[in-house]
Amino acid sequence: MEGCKISSKSITLKVDTEIYDKYKEFCKEKGLIVSRQFEIMMEEQLEGEEKND
């Protein structure tokens, strides 16, 4: 995808420390990126809302 630039936005979230630490370790073990997992969850929720409209 040479020449394509995907814009991104940095955000700040407040989450329970224990849950975050466990999820971060889970992602590390699976070779996942925490921020991308949040992005996927947001995409799925938006798609679910579109189907319900």
N, C-alpha and C. Protein backbone atom coordinates (compact mmCIF):
# COMPACT_ATOMS: atom_id res chain seq x y z
N MET A 1 0.83 -1.18 0.00
CA MET A 1 0.00 0.00 0.00
C MET A 1 0.88 1.25 0.00
N GLU A 2 1.78 1.27 -0.91
CA GLU A 2 2.68 2.40 -1.00
C GLU A 2 1.92 3.66 -1.36
N GLY A 3 2.20 4.74 -0.67
CA GLY A 3 1.55 6.01 -0.94
C GLY A 3 0.28 6.24 -0.13
N CYS A 4 -0.24 5.20 0.53
CA CYS A 4 -1.43 5.34 1.37
C CYS A 4 -1.02 5.73 2.78
N LYS A 5 -1.71 6.72 3.30
CA LYS A 5 -1.42 7.12 4.68
C LYS A 5 -2.71 7.00 5.48
N ILE A 6 -2.68 6.20 6.53
CA ILE A 6 -3.82 6.01 7.39
C ILE A 6 -3.66 6.95 8.58
N SER A 7 -4.67 7.79 8.80
CA SER A 7 -4.57 8.69 9.94
C SER A 7 -4.95 7.94 11.22
N SER A 8 -4.38 8.37 12.30
CA SER A 8 -4.70 7.77 13.59
C SER A 8 -4.81 8.88 14.62
N LYS A 9 -5.39 8.55 15.74
CA LYS A 9 -5.60 9.51 16.81
C LYS A 9 -5.17 8.88 18.11
N SER A 10 -4.39 9.61 18.87
CA SER A 10 -4.00 9.16 20.21
C SER A 10 -5.09 9.57 21.18
N ILE A 11 -5.45 8.65 22.07
CA ILE A 11 -6.49 8.93 23.05
C ILE A 11 -6.02 8.50 24.43
N THR A 12 -6.69 8.99 25.45
CA THR A 12 -6.42 8.59 26.82
C THR A 12 -7.65 7.89 27.36
N LEU A 13 -7.48 6.73 27.94
CA LEU A 13 -8.59 5.97 28.52
C LEU A 13 -8.30 5.71 29.98
N LYS A 14 -9.35 5.69 30.78
CA LYS A 14 -9.20 5.26 32.17
C LYS A 14 -9.83 3.88 32.28
N VAL A 15 -9.02 2.92 32.70
CA VAL A 15 -9.50 1.56 32.88
C VAL A 15 -8.97 1.03 34.21
N ASP A 16 -9.64 0.05 34.73
CA ASP A 16 -9.22 -0.59 35.97
C ASP A 16 -7.81 -1.15 35.78
N THR A 17 -6.92 -0.82 36.69
CA THR A 17 -5.52 -1.22 36.59
C THR A 17 -5.34 -2.73 36.49
N GLU A 18 -6.05 -3.47 37.34
CA GLU A 18 -5.90 -4.92 37.34
C GLU A 18 -6.37 -5.52 36.03
N ILE A 19 -7.49 -5.05 35.52
CA ILE A 19 -8.01 -5.56 34.24
C ILE A 19 -7.04 -5.22 33.11
N TYR A 20 -6.56 -3.99 33.10
CA TYR A 20 -5.63 -3.58 32.05
C TYR A 20 -4.36 -4.42 32.07
N ASP A 21 -3.80 -4.62 33.25
CA ASP A 21 -2.58 -5.41 33.36
C ASP A 21 -2.78 -6.84 32.87
N LYS A 22 -3.92 -7.44 33.23
CA LYS A 22 -4.23 -8.80 32.76
C LYS A 22 -4.41 -8.83 31.25
N TYR A 23 -5.12 -7.81 30.72
CA TYR A 23 -5.37 -7.77 29.27
C TYR A 23 -4.08 -7.52 28.50
N LYS A 24 -3.23 -6.66 29.05
CA LYS A 24 -1.94 -6.38 28.41
C LYS A 24 -1.11 -7.66 28.33
N GLU A 25 -1.08 -8.44 29.40
CA GLU A 25 -0.35 -9.70 29.41
C GLU A 25 -0.97 -10.70 28.43
N PHE A 26 -2.30 -10.75 28.39
CA PHE A 26 -3.01 -11.60 27.44
C PHE A 26 -2.59 -11.27 26.01
N CYS A 27 -2.59 -9.97 25.68
CA CYS A 27 -2.20 -9.54 24.34
C CYS A 27 -0.75 -9.89 24.04
N LYS A 28 0.11 -9.70 25.02
CA LYS A 28 1.52 -10.03 24.84
C LYS A 28 1.70 -11.50 24.51
N GLU A 29 1.01 -12.37 25.25
CA GLU A 29 1.10 -13.82 25.02
C GLU A 29 0.59 -14.21 23.63
N LYS A 30 -0.41 -13.48 23.14
CA LYS A 30 -1.03 -13.80 21.84
C LYS A 30 -0.37 -13.05 20.69
N GLY A 31 0.59 -12.17 21.00
CA GLY A 31 1.24 -11.39 19.95
C GLY A 31 0.34 -10.30 19.40
N LEU A 32 -0.55 -9.77 20.25
CA LEU A 32 -1.50 -8.74 19.84
C LEU A 32 -1.08 -7.38 20.35
N ILE A 33 -1.61 -6.35 19.74
CA ILE A 33 -1.36 -4.97 20.15
C ILE A 33 -2.62 -4.48 20.87
N VAL A 34 -2.46 -4.03 22.11
CA VAL A 34 -3.60 -3.62 22.93
C VAL A 34 -4.45 -2.58 22.22
N SER A 35 -3.84 -1.55 21.68
CA SER A 35 -4.62 -0.47 21.06
C SER A 35 -5.41 -0.98 19.86
N ARG A 36 -4.84 -1.90 19.10
CA ARG A 36 -5.56 -2.46 17.94
C ARG A 36 -6.76 -3.28 18.41
N GLN A 37 -6.64 -3.96 19.54
CA GLN A 37 -7.76 -4.74 20.07
C GLN A 37 -8.91 -3.82 20.47
N PHE A 38 -8.60 -2.67 21.06
CA PHE A 38 -9.64 -1.69 21.38
C PHE A 38 -10.31 -1.20 20.10
N GLU A 39 -9.50 -0.95 19.08
CA GLU A 39 -10.02 -0.47 17.81
C GLU A 39 -10.97 -1.51 17.19
N ILE A 40 -10.59 -2.78 17.23
CA ILE A 40 -11.44 -3.85 16.70
C ILE A 40 -12.75 -3.92 17.47
N MET A 41 -12.68 -3.81 18.81
CA MET A 41 -13.91 -3.84 19.62
C MET A 41 -14.84 -2.67 19.25
N MET A 42 -14.26 -1.50 19.03
CA MET A 42 -15.08 -0.34 18.64
C MET A 42 -15.72 -0.56 17.27
N GLU A 43 -14.95 -1.09 16.33
CA GLU A 43 -15.48 -1.38 14.99
C GLU A 43 -16.64 -2.37 15.07
N GLU A 44 -16.47 -3.43 15.85
CA GLU A 44 -17.51 -4.45 15.98
C GLU A 44 -18.78 -3.88 16.61
N GLN A 45 -18.62 -3.03 17.61
CA GLN A 45 -19.79 -2.43 18.25
C GLN A 45 -20.52 -1.51 17.28
N LEU A 46 -19.78 -0.73 16.50
CA LEU A 46 -20.41 0.15 15.52
C LEU A 46 -21.14 -0.65 14.45
N GLU A 47 -20.55 -1.74 13.99
CA GLU A 47 -21.20 -2.59 12.99
C GLU A 47 -22.47 -3.20 13.56
N GLY A 48 -22.45 -3.59 14.83
CA GLY A 48 -23.63 -4.15 15.48
C GLY A 48 -24.74 -3.13 15.58
N GLU A 49 -24.40 -1.88 15.85
CA GLU A 49 -25.40 -0.81 15.92
C GLU A 49 -26.01 -0.55 14.56
N GLU A 50 -25.19 -0.59 13.50
CA GLU A 50 -25.70 -0.36 12.15
C GLU A 50 -26.70 -1.43 11.75
N LYS A 51 -26.47 -2.67 12.18
CA LYS A 51 -27.38 -3.76 11.87
C LYS A 51 -28.71 -3.61 12.61
N ASN A 52 -28.66 -2.98 13.81
CA ASN A 52 -29.86 -2.81 14.62
C ASN A 52 -30.69 -1.59 14.20
N ASP A 53 -30.12 -0.71 13.38
CA ASP A 53 -30.85 0.50 12.97
C ASP A 53 -31.82 0.22 11.85
